[in-house]
Amino acid sequence: MFQRAQSTIRSQQAALSASDFEAARAYASDNFRSGVSVEQFGRIIERNYAFLLDDPELTFVDCSRRGDSAIVRVEVAGSPTMIMLYGMVLENDGWFIDAASVAGTREDVTT
């Protein structure tokens, strides 16, 4: 499961690095896509997660699964290194991103 969730996040990251918001949004859950248009998604990324557009290195730290949902903690390389939490859901035999948030910097989270 962790490997499949990582693959989804890496694929979305590759699309974001190419500024292909339509392709990146395709890795989101049905629920997310039903409420957020491609244009809205692009604005969310540009305003709140612009650091993802620079193709940063991702390090997958851990995963906590509960049934058909999971939280994946990811370190996003940069200055500073950001810690992101991805809420994942199991849909159609695949893991899709239902939510993402910045938990803080590595220094904030580890101190």
PDB file of N, CA and C in Angstrom:
ATOM      1  N   MET A   1       0.813  -1.175   0.000  1.00  0.00           N
ATOM      2  CA  MET A   1       0.000   0.000   0.000  1.00  0.00           C
ATOM      3  C   MET A   1       0.869   1.256   0.000  1.00  0.00           C
ATOM      4  N   PHE A   2       1.886   1.276   0.850  1.00  0.00           N
ATOM      5  CA  PHE A   2       2.771   2.447   0.947  1.00  0.00           C
ATOM      6  C   PHE A   2       3.427   2.723  -0.405  1.00  0.00           C
ATOM      7  N   GLN A   3       3.866   1.658  -1.086  1.00  0.00           N
ATOM      8  CA  GLN A   3       4.496   1.820  -2.404  1.00  0.00           C
ATOM      9  C   GLN A   3       3.522   2.410  -3.415  1.00  0.00           C
ATOM     10  N   ARG A   4       2.282   1.956  -3.398  1.00  0.00           N
ATOM     11  CA  ARG A   4       1.281   2.457  -4.340  1.00  0.00           C
ATOM     12  C   ARG A   4       0.941   3.916  -4.053  1.00  0.00           C
ATOM     13  N   ALA A   5       0.839   4.282  -2.785  1.00  0.00           N
ATOM     14  CA  ALA A   5       0.575   5.679  -2.422  1.00  0.00           C
ATOM     15  C   ALA A   5       1.756   6.562  -2.843  1.00  0.00           C
ATOM     16  N   GLN A   6       2.970   6.070  -2.638  1.00  0.00           N
ATOM     17  CA  GLN A   6       4.154   6.818  -3.074  1.00  0.00           C
ATOM     18  C   GLN A   6       4.124   7.055  -4.576  1.00  0.00           C
ATOM     19  N   SER A   7       3.739   6.044  -5.320  1.00  0.00           N
ATOM     20  CA  SER A   7       3.677   6.166  -6.775  1.00  0.00           C
ATOM     21  C   SER A   7       2.683   7.257  -7.191  1.00  0.00           C
ATOM     22  N   THR A   8       1.542   7.305  -6.531  1.00  0.00           N
ATOM     23  CA  THR A   8       0.547   8.344  -6.822  1.00  0.00           C
ATOM     24  C   THR A   8       1.114   9.723  -6.540  1.00  0.00           C
ATOM     25  N   ILE A   9       1.747   9.894  -5.392  1.00  0.00           N
ATOM     26  CA  ILE A   9       2.299  11.200  -5.015  1.00  0.00           C
ATOM     27  C   ILE A   9       3.426  11.590  -5.966  1.00  0.00           C
ATOM     28  N   ARG A  10       4.300  10.651  -6.304  1.00  0.00           N
ATOM     29  CA  ARG A  10       5.386  10.941  -7.246  1.00  0.00           C
ATOM     30  C   ARG A  10       4.840  11.321  -8.626  1.00  0.00           C
ATOM     31  N   SER A  11       3.798  10.636  -9.070  1.00  0.00           N
ATOM     32  CA  SER A  11       3.206  10.947 -10.367  1.00  0.00           C
ATOM     33  C   SER A  11       2.574  12.331 -10.362  1.00  0.00           C
ATOM     34  N   GLN A  12       1.884  12.662  -9.272  1.00  0.00           N
ATOM     35  CA  GLN A  12       1.313  14.008  -9.192  1.00  0.00           C
ATOM     36  C   GLN A  12       2.433  15.048  -9.164  1.00  0.00           C
ATOM     37  N   GLN A  13       3.498  14.762  -8.440  1.00  0.00           N
ATOM     38  CA  GLN A  13       4.616  15.696  -8.361  1.00  0.00           C
ATOM     39  C   GLN A  13       5.241  15.915  -9.735  1.00  0.00           C
ATOM     40  N   ALA A  14       5.377  14.874 -10.521  1.00  0.00           N
ATOM     41  CA  ALA A  14       5.933  15.014 -11.870  1.00  0.00           C
ATOM     42  C   ALA A  14       5.048  15.921 -12.714  1.00  0.00           C
ATOM     43  N   ALA A  15       3.741  15.772 -12.600  1.00  0.00           N
ATOM     44  CA  ALA A  15       2.817  16.631 -13.352  1.00  0.00           C
ATOM     45  C   ALA A  15       2.904  18.077 -12.862  1.00  0.00           C
ATOM     46  N   LEU A  16       3.015  18.267 -11.549  1.00  0.00           N
ATOM     47  CA  LEU A  16       3.144  19.629 -11.021  1.00  0.00           C
ATOM     48  C   LEU A  16       4.435  20.286 -11.507  1.00  0.00           C
ATOM     49  N   SER A  17       5.503  19.519 -11.554  1.00  0.00           N
ATOM     50  CA  SER A  17       6.783  20.059 -12.020  1.00  0.00           C
ATOM     51  C   SER A  17       6.709  20.513 -13.470  1.00  0.00           C
ATOM     52  N   ALA A  18       5.797  19.906 -14.225  1.00  0.00           N
ATOM     53  CA  ALA A  18       5.585  20.297 -15.620  1.00  0.00           C
ATOM     54  C   ALA A  18       4.484  21.354 -15.739  1.00  0.00           C
ATOM     55  N   SER A  19       3.989  21.832 -14.595  1.00  0.00           N
ATOM     56  CA  SER A  19       2.871  22.789 -14.534  1.00  0.00           C
ATOM     57  C   SER A  19       1.645  22.275 -15.285  1.00  0.00           C
ATOM     58  N   ASP A  20       1.462  20.947 -15.272  1.00  0.00           N
ATOM     59  CA  ASP A  20       0.300  20.327 -15.899  1.00  0.00           C
ATOM     60  C   ASP A  20      -0.727  20.053 -14.800  1.00  0.00           C
ATOM     61  N   PHE A  21      -1.521  21.085 -14.488  1.00  0.00           N
ATOM     62  CA  PHE A  21      -2.464  20.986 -13.380  1.00  0.00           C
ATOM     63  C   PHE A  21      -3.579  19.984 -13.665  1.00  0.00           C
ATOM     64  N   GLU A  22      -3.957  19.838 -14.912  1.00  0.00           N
ATOM     65  CA  GLU A  22      -5.001  18.863 -15.256  1.00  0.00           C
ATOM     66  C   GLU A  22      -4.515  17.453 -14.960  1.00  0.00           C
ATOM     67  N   ALA A  23      -3.306  17.131 -15.379  1.00  0.00           N
ATOM     68  CA  ALA A  23      -2.755  15.804 -15.110  1.00  0.00           C
ATOM     69  C   ALA A  23      -2.540  15.603 -13.614  1.00  0.00           C
ATOM     70  N   ALA A  24      -2.062  16.628 -12.917  1.00  0.00           N
ATOM     71  CA  ALA A  24      -1.819  16.518 -11.479  1.00  0.00           C
ATOM     72  C   ALA A  24      -3.129  16.282 -10.723  1.00  0.00           C
ATOM     73  N   ARG A  25      -4.189  16.965 -11.131  1.00  0.00           N
ATOM     74  CA  ARG A  25      -5.489  16.823 -10.480  1.00  0.00           C
ATOM     75  C   ARG A  25      -6.061  15.422 -10.683  1.00  0.00           C
ATOM     76  N   ALA A  26      -5.664  14.738 -11.737  1.00  0.00           N
ATOM     77  CA  ALA A  26      -6.155  13.380 -12.007  1.00  0.00           C
ATOM     78  C   ALA A  26      -5.735  12.396 -10.916  1.00  0.00           C
ATOM     79  N   TYR A  27      -4.736  12.735 -10.105  1.00  0.00           N
ATOM     80  CA  TYR A  27      -4.292  11.872  -9.011  1.00  0.00           C
ATOM     81  C   TYR A  27      -5.043  12.154  -7.721  1.00  0.00           C
ATOM     82  N   ALA A  28      -5.998  13.073  -7.778  1.00  0.00           N
ATOM     83  CA  ALA A  28      -6.822  13.395  -6.616  1.00  0.00           C
ATOM     84  C   ALA A  28      -8.024  12.465  -6.556  1.00  0.00           C
ATOM     85  N   SER A  29      -8.611  12.381  -5.381  1.00  0.00           N
ATOM     86  CA  SER A  29      -9.779  11.526  -5.168  1.00  0.00           C
ATOM     87  C   SER A  29     -10.983  12.048  -5.952  1.00  0.00           C
ATOM     88  N   ASP A  30     -11.948  11.169  -6.149  1.00  0.00           N
ATOM     89  CA  ASP A  30     -13.197  11.568  -6.802  1.00  0.00           C
ATOM     90  C   ASP A  30     -13.844  12.724  -6.050  1.00  0.00           C
ATOM     91  N   ASN A  31     -13.854  12.642  -4.736  1.00  0.00           N
ATOM     92  CA  ASN A  31     -14.464  13.680  -3.907  1.00  0.00           C
ATOM     93  C   ASN A  31     -13.776  15.035  -4.143  1.00  0.00           C
ATOM     94  N   PHE A  32     -12.458  15.048  -4.166  1.00  0.00           N
ATOM     95  CA  PHE A  32     -11.725  16.294  -4.388  1.00  0.00           C
ATOM     96  C   PHE A  32     -12.020  16.838  -5.780  1.00  0.00           C
ATOM     97  N   ARG A  33     -11.921  15.990  -6.791  1.00  0.00           N
ATOM     98  CA  ARG A  33     -12.136  16.443  -8.166  1.00  0.00           C
ATOM     99  C   ARG A  33     -13.552  16.962  -8.388  1.00  0.00           C
ATOM    100  N   SER A  34     -14.527  16.393  -7.671  1.00  0.00           N
ATOM    101  CA  SER A  34     -15.908  16.848  -7.853  1.00  0.00           C
ATOM    102  C   SER A  34     -16.120  18.254  -7.301  1.00  0.00           C
ATOM    103  N   GLY A  35     -15.275  18.684  -6.379  1.00  0.00           N
ATOM    104  CA  GLY A  35     -15.453  19.996  -5.766  1.00  0.00           C
ATOM    105  C   GLY A  35     -14.457  21.054  -6.185  1.00  0.00           C
ATOM    106  N   VAL A  36     -13.408  20.657  -6.917  1.00  0.00           N
ATOM    107  CA  VAL A  36     -12.337  21.592  -7.267  1.00  0.00           C
ATOM    108  C   VAL A  36     -12.025  21.463  -8.756  1.00  0.00           C
ATOM    109  N   SER A  37     -12.227  22.550  -9.488  1.00  0.00           N
ATOM    110  CA  SER A  37     -11.939  22.542 -10.926  1.00  0.00           C
ATOM    111  C   SER A  37     -10.429  22.577 -11.161  1.00  0.00           C
ATOM    112  N   VAL A  38     -10.032  22.324 -12.392  1.00  0.00           N
ATOM    113  CA  VAL A  38      -8.611  22.384 -12.750  1.00  0.00           C
ATOM    114  C   VAL A  38      -8.067  23.784 -12.459  1.00  0.00           C
ATOM    115  N   GLU A  39      -8.832  24.817 -12.811  1.00  0.00           N
ATOM    116  CA  GLU A  39      -8.384  26.198 -12.579  1.00  0.00           C
ATOM    117  C   GLU A  39      -8.224  26.483 -11.088  1.00  0.00           C
ATOM    118  N   GLN A  40      -9.179  26.040 -10.293  1.00  0.00           N
ATOM    119  CA  GLN A  40      -9.089  26.226  -8.840  1.00  0.00           C
ATOM    120  C   GLN A  40      -7.900  25.470  -8.276  1.00  0.00           C
ATOM    121  N   PHE A  41      -7.697  24.257  -8.743  1.00  0.00           N
ATOM    122  CA  PHE A  41      -6.576  23.453  -8.290  1.00  0.00           C
ATOM    123  C   PHE A  41      -5.248  24.163  -8.589  1.00  0.00           C
ATOM    124  N   GLY A  42      -5.114  24.686  -9.802  1.00  0.00           N
ATOM    125  CA  GLY A  42      -3.905  25.421 -10.170  1.00  0.00           C
ATOM    126  C   GLY A  42      -3.659  26.604  -9.256  1.00  0.00           C
ATOM    127  N   ARG A  43      -4.710  27.332  -8.927  1.00  0.00           N
ATOM    128  CA  ARG A  43      -4.559  28.485  -8.024  1.00  0.00           C
ATOM    129  C   ARG A  43      -4.144  28.048  -6.624  1.00  0.00           C
ATOM    130  N   ILE A  44      -4.727  26.945  -6.144  1.00  0.00           N
ATOM    131  CA  ILE A  44      -4.358  26.421  -4.821  1.00  0.00           C
ATOM    132  C   ILE A  44      -2.870  26.089  -4.786  1.00  0.00           C
ATOM    133  N   ILE A  45      -2.400  25.399  -5.810  1.00  0.00           N
ATOM    134  CA  ILE A  45      -0.980  25.019  -5.859  1.00  0.00           C
ATOM    135  C   ILE A  45      -0.105  26.265  -5.931  1.00  0.00           C
ATOM    136  N   GLU A  46      -0.415  27.170  -6.824  1.00  0.00           N
ATOM    137  CA  GLU A  46       0.420  28.369  -7.001  1.00  0.00           C
ATOM    138  C   GLU A  46       0.458  29.244  -5.758  1.00  0.00           C
ATOM    139  N   ARG A  47      -0.638  29.318  -5.024  1.00  0.00           N
ATOM    140  CA  ARG A  47      -0.698  30.177  -3.825  1.00  0.00           C
ATOM    141  C   ARG A  47      -0.120  29.521  -2.575  1.00  0.00           C
ATOM    142  N   ASN A  48      -0.374  28.228  -2.418  1.00  0.00           N
ATOM    143  CA  ASN A  48      -0.029  27.575  -1.150  1.00  0.00           C
ATOM    144  C   ASN A  48       1.097  26.552  -1.221  1.00  0.00           C
ATOM    145  N   TYR A  49       1.363  26.043  -2.420  1.00  0.00           N
ATOM    146  CA  TYR A  49       2.339  24.958  -2.564  1.00  0.00           C
ATOM    147  C   TYR A  49       3.279  25.214  -3.732  1.00  0.00           C
ATOM    148  N   ALA A  50       3.613  26.471  -3.982  1.00  0.00           N
ATOM    149  CA  ALA A  50       4.452  26.817  -5.135  1.00  0.00           C
ATOM    150  C   ALA A  50       5.790  26.081  -5.110  1.00  0.00           C
ATOM    151  N   PHE A  51       6.278  25.731  -3.944  1.00  0.00           N
ATOM    152  CA  PHE A  51       7.555  25.012  -3.836  1.00  0.00           C
ATOM    153  C   PHE A  51       7.498  23.655  -4.541  1.00  0.00           C
ATOM    154  N   LEU A  52       6.306  23.108  -4.752  1.00  0.00           N
ATOM    155  CA  LEU A  52       6.177  21.833  -5.458  1.00  0.00           C
ATOM    156  C   LEU A  52       6.388  21.970  -6.963  1.00  0.00           C
ATOM    157  N   LEU A  53       6.297  23.181  -7.467  1.00  0.00           N
ATOM    158  CA  LEU A  53       6.457  23.415  -8.904  1.00  0.00           C
ATOM    159  C   LEU A  53       7.913  23.352  -9.348  1.00  0.00           C
ATOM    160  N   ASP A  54       8.841  23.365  -8.394  1.00  0.00           N
ATOM    161  CA  ASP A  54      10.273  23.378  -8.694  1.00  0.00           C
ATOM    162  C   ASP A  54      10.899  21.985  -8.731  1.00  0.00           C
ATOM    163  N   ASP A  55      10.081  20.938  -8.792  1.00  0.00           N
ATOM    164  CA  ASP A  55      10.544  19.559  -8.856  1.00  0.00           C
ATOM    165  C   ASP A  55      11.481  19.194  -7.701  1.00  0.00           C
ATOM    166  N   PRO A  56      11.018  19.398  -6.449  1.00  0.00           N
ATOM    167  CA  PRO A  56      11.874  19.069  -5.305  1.00  0.00           C
ATOM    168  C   PRO A  56      11.988  17.558  -5.112  1.00  0.00           C
ATOM    169  N   GLU A  57      13.038  17.162  -4.453  1.00  0.00           N
ATOM    170  CA  GLU A  57      13.216  15.754  -4.086  1.00  0.00           C
ATOM    171  C   GLU A  57      12.236  15.421  -2.963  1.00  0.00           C
ATOM    172  N   LEU A  58      11.588  14.263  -3.066  1.00  0.00           N
ATOM    173  CA  LEU A  58      10.646  13.806  -2.047  1.00  0.00           C
ATOM    174  C   LEU A  58      11.242  12.634  -1.285  1.00  0.00           C
ATOM    175  N   THR A  59      11.108  12.657   0.037  1.00  0.00           N
ATOM    176  CA  THR A  59      11.503  11.530   0.875  1.00  0.00           C
ATOM    177  C   THR A  59      10.276  11.084   1.644  1.00  0.00           C
ATOM    178  N   PHE A  60       9.901   9.827   1.450  1.00  0.00           N
ATOM    179  CA  PHE A  60       8.716   9.288   2.110  1.00  0.00           C
ATOM    180  C   PHE A  60       9.123   8.764   3.479  1.00  0.00           C
ATOM    181  N   VAL A  61       8.553   9.369   4.518  1.00  0.00           N
ATOM    182  CA  VAL A  61       8.977   9.097   5.890  1.00  0.00           C
ATOM    183  C   VAL A  61       8.193   7.946   6.495  1.00  0.00           C
ATOM    184  N   ASP A  62       6.865   8.038   6.464  1.00  0.00           N
ATOM    185  CA  ASP A  62       6.059   6.964   7.021  1.00  0.00           C
ATOM    186  C   ASP A  62       4.628   7.059   6.526  1.00  0.00           C
ATOM    187  N   CYS A  63       3.875   6.032   6.901  1.00  0.00           N
ATOM    188  CA  CYS A  63       2.493   5.917   6.455  1.00  0.00           C
ATOM    189  C   CYS A  63       1.677   5.291   7.578  1.00  0.00           C
ATOM    190  N   SER A  64       0.498   5.835   7.793  1.00  0.00           N
ATOM    191  CA  SER A  64      -0.418   5.283   8.787  1.00  0.00           C
ATOM    192  C   SER A  64      -1.742   4.998   8.079  1.00  0.00           C
ATOM    193  N   ARG A  65      -2.125   3.727   8.054  1.00  0.00           N
ATOM    194  CA  ARG A  65      -3.341   3.328   7.328  1.00  0.00           C
ATOM    195  C   ARG A  65      -4.449   2.949   8.295  1.00  0.00           C
ATOM    196  N   ARG A  66      -5.666   3.372   7.924  1.00  0.00           N
ATOM    197  CA  ARG A  66      -6.877   2.960   8.634  1.00  0.00           C
ATOM    198  C   ARG A  66      -7.908   2.570   7.585  1.00  0.00           C
ATOM    199  N   GLY A  67      -8.073   1.298   7.370  1.00  0.00           N
ATOM    200  CA  GLY A  67      -9.041   0.829   6.388  1.00  0.00           C
ATOM    201  C   GLY A  67      -8.727   1.336   4.995  1.00  0.00           C
ATOM    202  N   ASP A  68      -9.668   2.085   4.429  1.00  0.00           N
ATOM    203  CA  ASP A  68      -9.518   2.594   3.066  1.00  0.00           C
ATOM    204  C   ASP A  68      -8.949   4.007   3.015  1.00  0.00           C
ATOM    205  N   SER A  69      -8.292   4.434   4.091  1.00  0.00           N
ATOM    206  CA  SER A  69      -7.639   5.749   4.089  1.00  0.00           C
ATOM    207  C   SER A  69      -6.272   5.633   4.762  1.00  0.00           C
ATOM    208  N   ALA A  70      -5.441   6.616   4.464  1.00  0.00           N
ATOM    209  CA  ALA A  70      -4.083   6.609   5.015  1.00  0.00           C
ATOM    210  C   ALA A  70      -3.544   8.035   5.038  1.00  0.00           C
ATOM    211  N   ILE A  71      -2.583   8.245   5.908  1.00  0.00           N
ATOM    212  CA  ILE A  71      -1.831   9.499   5.959  1.00  0.00           C
ATOM    213  C   ILE A  71      -0.383   9.157   5.634  1.00  0.00           C
ATOM    214  N   VAL A  72       0.177   9.847   4.642  1.00  0.00           N
ATOM    215  CA  VAL A  72       1.566   9.647   4.243  1.00  0.00           C
ATOM    216  C   VAL A  72       2.338  10.917   4.572  1.00  0.00           C
ATOM    217  N   ARG A  73       3.418  10.759   5.328  1.00  0.00           N
ATOM    218  CA  ARG A  73       4.272  11.902   5.674  1.00  0.00           C
ATOM    219  C   ARG A  73       5.458  11.936   4.719  1.00  0.00           C
ATOM    220  N   VAL A  74       5.660  13.121   4.126  1.00  0.00           N
ATOM    221  CA  VAL A  74       6.674  13.290   3.089  1.00  0.00           C
ATOM    222  C   VAL A  74       7.528  14.511   3.419  1.00  0.00           C
ATOM    223  N   GLU A  75       8.853  14.350   3.298  1.00  0.00           N
ATOM    224  CA  GLU A  75       9.767  15.494   3.394  1.00  0.00           C
ATOM    225  C   GLU A  75      10.004  16.003   1.978  1.00  0.00           C
ATOM    226  N   VAL A  76       9.820  17.301   1.792  1.00  0.00           N
ATOM    227  CA  VAL A  76      10.019  17.945   0.498  1.00  0.00           C
ATOM    228  C   VAL A  76      11.289  18.779   0.610  1.00  0.00           C
ATOM    229  N   ALA A  77      12.326  18.376  -0.119  1.00  0.00           N
ATOM    230  CA  ALA A  77      13.631  19.031  -0.022  1.00  0.00           C
ATOM    231  C   ALA A  77      13.522  20.494  -0.428  1.00  0.00           C
ATOM    232  N   GLY A  78      14.266  21.295   0.262  1.00  0.00           N
ATOM    233  CA  GLY A  78      14.312  22.723  -0.028  1.00  0.00           C
ATOM    234  C   GLY A  78      14.959  23.435   1.130  1.00  0.00           C
ATOM    235  N   SER A  79      14.889  24.729   1.090  1.00  0.00           N
ATOM    236  CA  SER A  79      15.453  25.521   2.182  1.00  0.00           C
ATOM    237  C   SER A  79      14.358  26.431   2.710  1.00  0.00           C
ATOM    238  N   PRO A  80      13.659  26.014   3.714  1.00  0.00           N
ATOM    239  CA  PRO A  80      13.858  24.803   4.528  1.00  0.00           C
ATOM    240  C   PRO A  80      13.159  23.591   3.917  1.00  0.00           C
ATOM    241  N   THR A  81      13.488  22.418   4.450  1.00  0.00           N
ATOM    242  CA  THR A  81      12.792  21.200   4.071  1.00  0.00           C
ATOM    243  C   THR A  81      11.402  21.236   4.687  1.00  0.00           C
ATOM    244  N   MET A  82      10.392  21.042   3.842  1.00  0.00           N
ATOM    245  CA  MET A  82       9.001  21.078   4.299  1.00  0.00           C
ATOM    246  C   MET A  82       8.520  19.660   4.596  1.00  0.00           C
ATOM    247  N   ILE A  83       7.654  19.552   5.597  1.00  0.00           N
ATOM    248  CA  ILE A  83       6.992  18.290   5.906  1.00  0.00           C
ATOM    249  C   ILE A  83       5.552  18.421   5.438  1.00  0.00           C
ATOM    250  N   MET A  84       5.155  17.497   4.555  1.00  0.00           N
ATOM    251  CA  MET A  84       3.778  17.488   4.071  1.00  0.00           C
ATOM    252  C   MET A  84       3.084  16.214   4.507  1.00  0.00           C
ATOM    253  N   LEU A  85       1.801  16.349   4.761  1.00  0.00           N
ATOM    254  CA  LEU A  85       0.953  15.206   5.068  1.00  0.00           C
ATOM    255  C   LEU A  85      -0.051  15.051   3.940  1.00  0.00           C
ATOM    256  N   TYR A  86      -0.088  13.871   3.364  1.00  0.00           N
ATOM    257  CA  TYR A  86      -1.023  13.569   2.290  1.00  0.00           C
ATOM    258  C   TYR A  86      -2.092  12.627   2.833  1.00  0.00           C
ATOM    259  N   GLY A  87      -3.344  13.033   2.740  1.00  0.00           N
ATOM    260  CA  GLY A  87      -4.468  12.164   3.065  1.00  0.00           C
ATOM    261  C   GLY A  87      -4.819  11.372   1.818  1.00  0.00           C
ATOM    262  N   MET A  88      -4.740  10.069   1.897  1.00  0.00           N
ATOM    263  CA  MET A  88      -4.963   9.189   0.751  1.00  0.00           C
ATOM    264  C   MET A  88      -6.225   8.360   0.981  1.00  0.00           C
ATOM    265  N   VAL A  89      -6.927   8.049  -0.117  1.00  0.00           N
ATOM    266  CA  VAL A  89      -8.091   7.168  -0.038  1.00  0.00           C
ATOM    267  C   VAL A  89      -7.977   6.092  -1.108  1.00  0.00           C
ATOM    268  N   LEU A  90      -8.497   4.913  -0.784  1.00  0.00           N
ATOM    269  CA  LEU A  90      -8.513   3.798  -1.720  1.00  0.00           C
ATOM    270  C   LEU A  90      -9.792   3.892  -2.548  1.00  0.00           C
ATOM    271  N   GLU A  91      -9.619   4.035  -3.861  1.00  0.00           N
ATOM    272  CA  GLU A  91     -10.740   4.122  -4.799  1.00  0.00           C
ATOM    273  C   GLU A  91     -10.385   3.324  -6.044  1.00  0.00           C
ATOM    274  N   ASN A  92     -11.319   2.531  -6.518  1.00  0.00           N
ATOM    275  CA  ASN A  92     -11.110   1.798  -7.770  1.00  0.00           C
ATOM    276  C   ASN A  92      -9.771   1.062  -7.790  1.00  0.00           C
ATOM    277  N   ASP A  93      -9.436   0.410  -6.693  1.00  0.00           N
ATOM    278  CA  ASP A  93      -8.200  -0.365  -6.561  1.00  0.00           C
ATOM    279  C   ASP A  93      -6.927   0.467  -6.656  1.00  0.00           C
ATOM    280  N   GLY A  94      -7.011   1.772  -6.412  1.00  0.00           N
ATOM    281  CA  GLY A  94      -5.830   2.628  -6.415  1.00  0.00           C
ATOM    282  C   GLY A  94      -5.900   3.614  -5.258  1.00  0.00           C
ATOM    283  N   TRP A  95      -4.754   4.173  -4.907  1.00  0.00           N
ATOM    284  CA  TRP A  95      -4.674   5.170  -3.840  1.00  0.00           C
ATOM    285  C   TRP A  95      -4.622   6.552  -4.468  1.00  0.00           C
ATOM    286  N   PHE A  96      -5.548   7.425  -4.043  1.00  0.00           N
ATOM    287  CA  PHE A  96      -5.664   8.770  -4.581  1.00  0.00           C
ATOM    288  C   PHE A  96      -5.537   9.793  -3.458  1.00  0.00           C
ATOM    289  N   ILE A  97      -5.080  10.983  -3.810  1.00  0.00           N
ATOM    290  CA  ILE A  97      -4.860  12.055  -2.835  1.00  0.00           C
ATOM    291  C   ILE A  97      -6.183  12.754  -2.568  1.00  0.00           C
ATOM    292  N   ASP A  98      -6.608  12.747  -1.307  1.00  0.00           N
ATOM    293  CA  ASP A  98      -7.850  13.401  -0.912  1.00  0.00           C
ATOM    294  C   ASP A  98      -7.578  14.765  -0.286  1.00  0.00           C
ATOM    295  N   ALA A  99      -6.396  14.940   0.275  1.00  0.00           N
ATOM    296  CA  ALA A  99      -6.022  16.206   0.902  1.00  0.00           C
ATOM    297  C   ALA A  99      -4.509  16.236   1.075  1.00  0.00           C
ATOM    298  N   ALA A 100      -3.975  17.433   1.142  1.00  0.00           N
ATOM    299  CA  ALA A 100      -2.546  17.606   1.423  1.00  0.00           C
ATOM    300  C   ALA A 100      -2.391  18.867   2.247  1.00  0.00           C
ATOM    301  N   SER A 101      -1.445  18.835   3.162  1.00  0.00           N
ATOM    302  CA  SER A 101      -1.200  20.024   3.980  1.00  0.00           C
ATOM    303  C   SER A 101       0.271  20.072   4.375  1.00  0.00           C
ATOM    304  N   VAL A 102       0.719  21.268   4.671  1.00  0.00           N
ATOM    305  CA  VAL A 102       2.077  21.467   5.164  1.00  0.00           C
ATOM    306  C   VAL A 102       2.026  21.391   6.682  1.00  0.00           C
ATOM    307  N   ALA A 103       2.781  20.458   7.257  1.00  0.00           N
ATOM    308  CA  ALA A 103       2.829  20.302   8.705  1.00  0.00           C
ATOM    309  C   ALA A 103       3.842  21.258   9.325  1.00  0.00           C
ATOM    310  N   GLY A 104       4.758  21.769   8.514  1.00  0.00           N
ATOM    311  CA  GLY A 104       5.795  22.676   8.989  1.00  0.00           C
ATOM    312  C   GLY A 104       7.109  22.340   8.326  1.00  0.00           C
ATOM    313  N   THR A 105       8.180  22.915   8.839  1.00  0.00           N
ATOM    314  CA  THR A 105       9.501  22.579   8.343  1.00  0.00           C
ATOM    315  C   THR A 105      10.031  21.399   9.142  1.00  0.00           C
ATOM    316  N   ARG A 106      11.078  20.779   8.634  1.00  0.00           N
ATOM    317  CA  ARG A 106      11.671  19.648   9.374  1.00  0.00           C
ATOM    318  C   ARG A 106      12.079  20.106  10.760  1.00  0.00           C
ATOM    319  N   GLU A 107      12.628  21.288  10.864  1.00  0.00           N
ATOM    320  CA  GLU A 107      13.063  21.804  12.160  1.00  0.00           C
ATOM    321  C   GLU A 107      11.884  22.009  13.102  1.00  0.00           C
ATOM    322  N   ASP A 108      10.747  22.504  12.579  1.00  0.00           N
ATOM    323  CA  ASP A 108       9.545  22.694  13.410  1.00  0.00           C
ATOM    324  C   ASP A 108       9.015  21.376  13.927  1.00  0.00           C
ATOM    325  N   VAL A 109       8.990  20.375  13.065  1.00  0.00           N
ATOM    326  CA  VAL A 109       8.363  19.107  13.375  1.00  0.00           C
ATOM    327  C   VAL A 109       9.229  18.257  14.291  1.00  0.00           C
ATOM    328  N   THR A 110      10.562  18.361  14.180  1.00  0.00           N
ATOM    329  CA  THR A 110      11.447  17.493  14.962  1.00  0.00           C
ATOM    330  C   THR A 110      11.899  18.117  16.282  1.00  0.00           C
ATOM    331  N   THR A 111      11.602  19.375  16.503  1.00  0.00           N
ATOM    332  CA  THR A 111      12.040  19.986  17.773  1.00  0.00           C
ATOM    333  C   THR A 111      10.955  19.986  18.804  1.00  0.00           C
TER     334      THR A 111
END
